[in-house]
Amino acid sequence: MAEATREQLPELPVVDEVLRHCASRAFLDVELKVAGLESEILIALHEHLPERGHVVSSFLPEVVMDLRARSALVPLGIICDRTSELAKWPELPVEYVIPEEALVTREFIEQVQAAGRRLLVWTVNDQASMLRLRDWGVDGIISDDTELLVKTLR
């Protein structure tokens, strides 16, 4: 889908529409899956700054580095789904480390937070994991089951 054009997916909202609709409602994690959209995202965020906070994140370290070169103000995050990727977070100019749930330990959370970074964990879809991660002190949980997340942590 990363190669799809707007004409091929007319029902898919563009970033301006999403930001306009959600900027006052929730903390937003704007994930860039491909390089080359950095300027567009920064312009959109300038025009519709999320009121409840945000992070621009990517699996791609080069995207994170390009964003930092363009703006010292935008909060950045690196997304990781492998231990080898996760080991590189201290070298990157990010405020958020965003690992897959299977990579997270209590010790890792403490390490990230001791370095002054925040930790968001994905994709957490069961109540026991939500409660465990909350008790361990993660800064945020990303879930496909938002109703369960709200019910569990309210």
Protein backbone atom coordinates (compact mmCIF):
# COMPACT_ATOMS: atom_id res chain seq x y z
CA MET A 1 0.00 0.00 0.00
CA ALA A 2 2.94 2.38 0.45
CA GLU A 3 3.18 2.70 -3.32
CA ALA A 4 -0.53 3.37 -3.82
CA THR A 5 -1.61 6.74 -5.16
CA ARG A 6 -4.39 8.92 -3.76
CA GLU A 7 -6.48 8.09 -6.81
CA GLN A 8 -6.19 4.36 -6.07
CA LEU A 9 -7.44 4.82 -2.50
CA PRO A 10 -9.95 7.69 -2.62
CA GLU A 11 -11.68 6.64 0.62
CA LEU A 12 -8.45 6.80 2.62
CA PRO A 13 -8.15 10.10 4.52
CA VAL A 14 -5.04 12.20 3.99
CA VAL A 15 -2.90 13.36 6.90
CA ASP A 16 -4.47 16.85 6.99
CA GLU A 17 -7.93 15.32 7.37
CA VAL A 18 -6.81 12.96 10.12
CA LEU A 19 -5.03 15.71 12.03
CA ARG A 20 -7.95 18.11 11.64
CA HIS A 21 -10.33 15.44 12.97
CA CYS A 22 -8.15 14.02 15.77
CA ALA A 23 -5.84 16.87 16.86
CA SER A 24 -8.01 17.78 19.83
CA ARG A 25 -9.08 14.27 20.78
CA ALA A 26 -6.03 12.08 21.43
CA PHE A 27 -2.28 11.75 21.65
CA LEU A 28 -1.21 10.90 18.09
CA ASP A 29 1.52 8.59 16.87
CA VAL A 30 2.09 9.59 13.24
CA GLU A 31 4.00 6.69 11.71
CA LEU A 32 5.99 7.16 8.52
CA LYS A 33 6.34 3.84 6.73
CA VAL A 34 8.32 5.22 3.79
CA ALA A 35 10.93 7.93 3.30
CA GLY A 36 10.12 11.11 1.40
CA LEU A 37 7.12 12.36 3.38
CA GLU A 38 9.02 14.16 6.11
CA SER A 39 8.36 17.71 4.86
CA GLU A 40 4.67 17.01 4.26
CA ILE A 41 4.22 15.65 7.79
CA LEU A 42 6.03 18.60 9.38
CA ILE A 43 3.88 21.09 7.46
CA ALA A 44 0.68 19.24 8.40
CA LEU A 45 1.68 19.14 12.08
CA HIS A 46 2.48 22.86 12.00
CA GLU A 47 -1.00 23.58 10.61
CA HIS A 48 -2.85 21.15 12.94
CA LEU A 49 -0.75 20.75 16.07
CA PRO A 50 -2.22 17.95 18.22
CA GLU A 51 -3.45 19.44 21.48
CA ARG A 52 -2.91 16.25 23.50
CA GLY A 53 0.62 15.60 22.25
CA HIS A 54 2.17 13.60 19.45
CA VAL A 55 5.17 11.70 18.17
CA VAL A 56 6.32 11.13 14.61
CA SER A 57 7.68 7.60 14.44
CA SER A 58 9.20 5.18 11.97
CA PHE A 59 10.93 1.83 11.69
CA LEU A 60 13.40 3.64 9.41
CA PRO A 61 16.33 5.33 11.21
CA GLU A 62 17.02 7.44 8.11
CA VAL A 63 13.52 8.93 8.33
CA VAL A 64 14.05 9.76 11.99
CA MET A 65 17.41 11.38 11.20
CA ASP A 66 15.94 13.41 8.32
CA LEU A 67 13.08 14.63 10.51
CA ARG A 68 15.54 15.72 13.22
CA ALA A 69 17.64 17.57 10.64
CA ARG A 70 14.51 19.44 9.53
CA SER A 71 13.13 20.18 13.00
CA ALA A 72 14.58 20.15 16.47
CA LEU A 73 11.11 20.53 17.96
CA VAL A 74 9.10 17.59 16.65
CA PRO A 75 8.98 14.64 19.08
CA LEU A 76 10.44 11.58 17.36
CA GLY A 77 10.19 7.85 17.96
CA ILE A 78 11.89 4.74 16.64
CA ILE A 79 9.74 1.64 16.19
CA CYS A 80 11.39 -1.75 16.66
CA ASP A 81 10.29 -5.33 16.16
CA ARG A 82 13.71 -7.01 16.41
CA THR A 83 16.33 -7.06 19.14
CA SER A 84 19.00 -5.91 16.68
CA GLU A 85 16.97 -2.78 15.85
CA LEU A 86 16.14 -2.14 19.48
CA ALA A 87 19.82 -2.06 20.42
CA LYS A 88 20.30 1.08 18.27
CA TRP A 89 17.85 3.36 20.10
CA PRO A 90 20.49 5.13 22.26
CA GLU A 91 22.23 6.36 19.10
CA LEU A 92 19.13 8.00 17.64
CA PRO A 93 17.77 11.50 18.35
CA VAL A 94 14.42 10.22 19.63
CA GLU A 95 12.25 11.02 22.59
CA TYR A 96 10.26 7.79 22.24
CA VAL A 97 11.29 4.16 21.94
CA ILE A 98 8.44 2.07 20.54
CA PRO A 99 9.15 -1.67 20.72
CA GLU A 100 6.91 -4.60 20.00
CA GLU A 101 5.53 -6.08 23.21
CA ALA A 102 7.62 -9.28 22.99
CA LEU A 103 10.83 -7.23 23.30
CA VAL A 104 9.86 -5.43 26.52
CA THR A 105 11.14 -6.30 29.97
CA ARG A 106 10.90 -4.39 33.20
CA GLU A 107 14.66 -3.78 33.03
CA PHE A 108 14.41 -2.38 29.51
CA ILE A 109 11.69 0.03 30.59
CA GLU A 110 13.89 1.27 33.42
CA GLN A 111 16.86 1.66 31.05
CA VAL A 112 14.88 3.74 28.53
CA GLN A 113 13.29 5.92 31.19
CA ALA A 114 16.61 6.42 33.01
CA ALA A 115 17.94 7.85 29.73
CA GLY A 116 15.11 10.41 29.74
CA ARG A 117 13.14 8.75 26.95
CA ARG A 118 9.56 7.52 26.91
CA LEU A 119 8.42 4.02 26.05
CA LEU A 120 5.31 3.15 24.04
CA VAL A 121 4.63 -0.58 23.59
CA TRP A 122 2.76 -2.14 20.65
CA THR A 123 0.53 -4.08 19.84
CA VAL A 124 -1.00 -5.03 23.18
CA ASN A 125 -4.42 -6.64 22.78
CA ASP A 126 -4.96 -8.65 25.95
CA GLN A 127 -5.93 -7.45 29.40
CA ALA A 128 -3.21 -9.29 31.33
CA SER A 129 -0.46 -7.70 29.22
CA MET A 130 -2.06 -4.26 29.53
CA LEU A 131 -2.09 -4.56 33.32
CA ARG A 132 1.46 -5.94 33.48
CA LEU A 133 2.86 -3.14 31.31
CA ARG A 134 0.99 -0.51 33.30
CA ASP A 135 2.39 -1.94 36.52
CA TRP A 136 5.89 -1.95 35.02
CA GLY A 137 5.49 1.77 34.30
CA VAL A 138 5.42 2.07 30.50
CA ASP A 139 4.51 5.52 29.23
CA GLY A 140 1.91 4.28 26.77
CA ILE A 141 0.28 1.24 25.25
CA ILE A 142 -0.70 0.90 21.60
CA SER A 143 -3.58 -1.51 21.01
CA ASP A 144 -5.93 -2.60 18.26
CA ASP A 145 -8.59 -3.12 20.95
CA THR A 146 -9.00 0.42 22.25
CA GLU A 147 -12.25 -0.40 24.02
CA LEU A 148 -10.51 -3.12 26.06
CA LEU A 149 -7.58 -0.79 26.73
CA VAL A 150 -9.81 1.98 28.06
CA LYS A 151 -11.92 -0.48 30.10
CA THR A 152 -8.80 -2.10 31.57
CA LEU A 153 -6.87 1.04 32.47
CA ARG A 154 -9.65 3.46 33.36
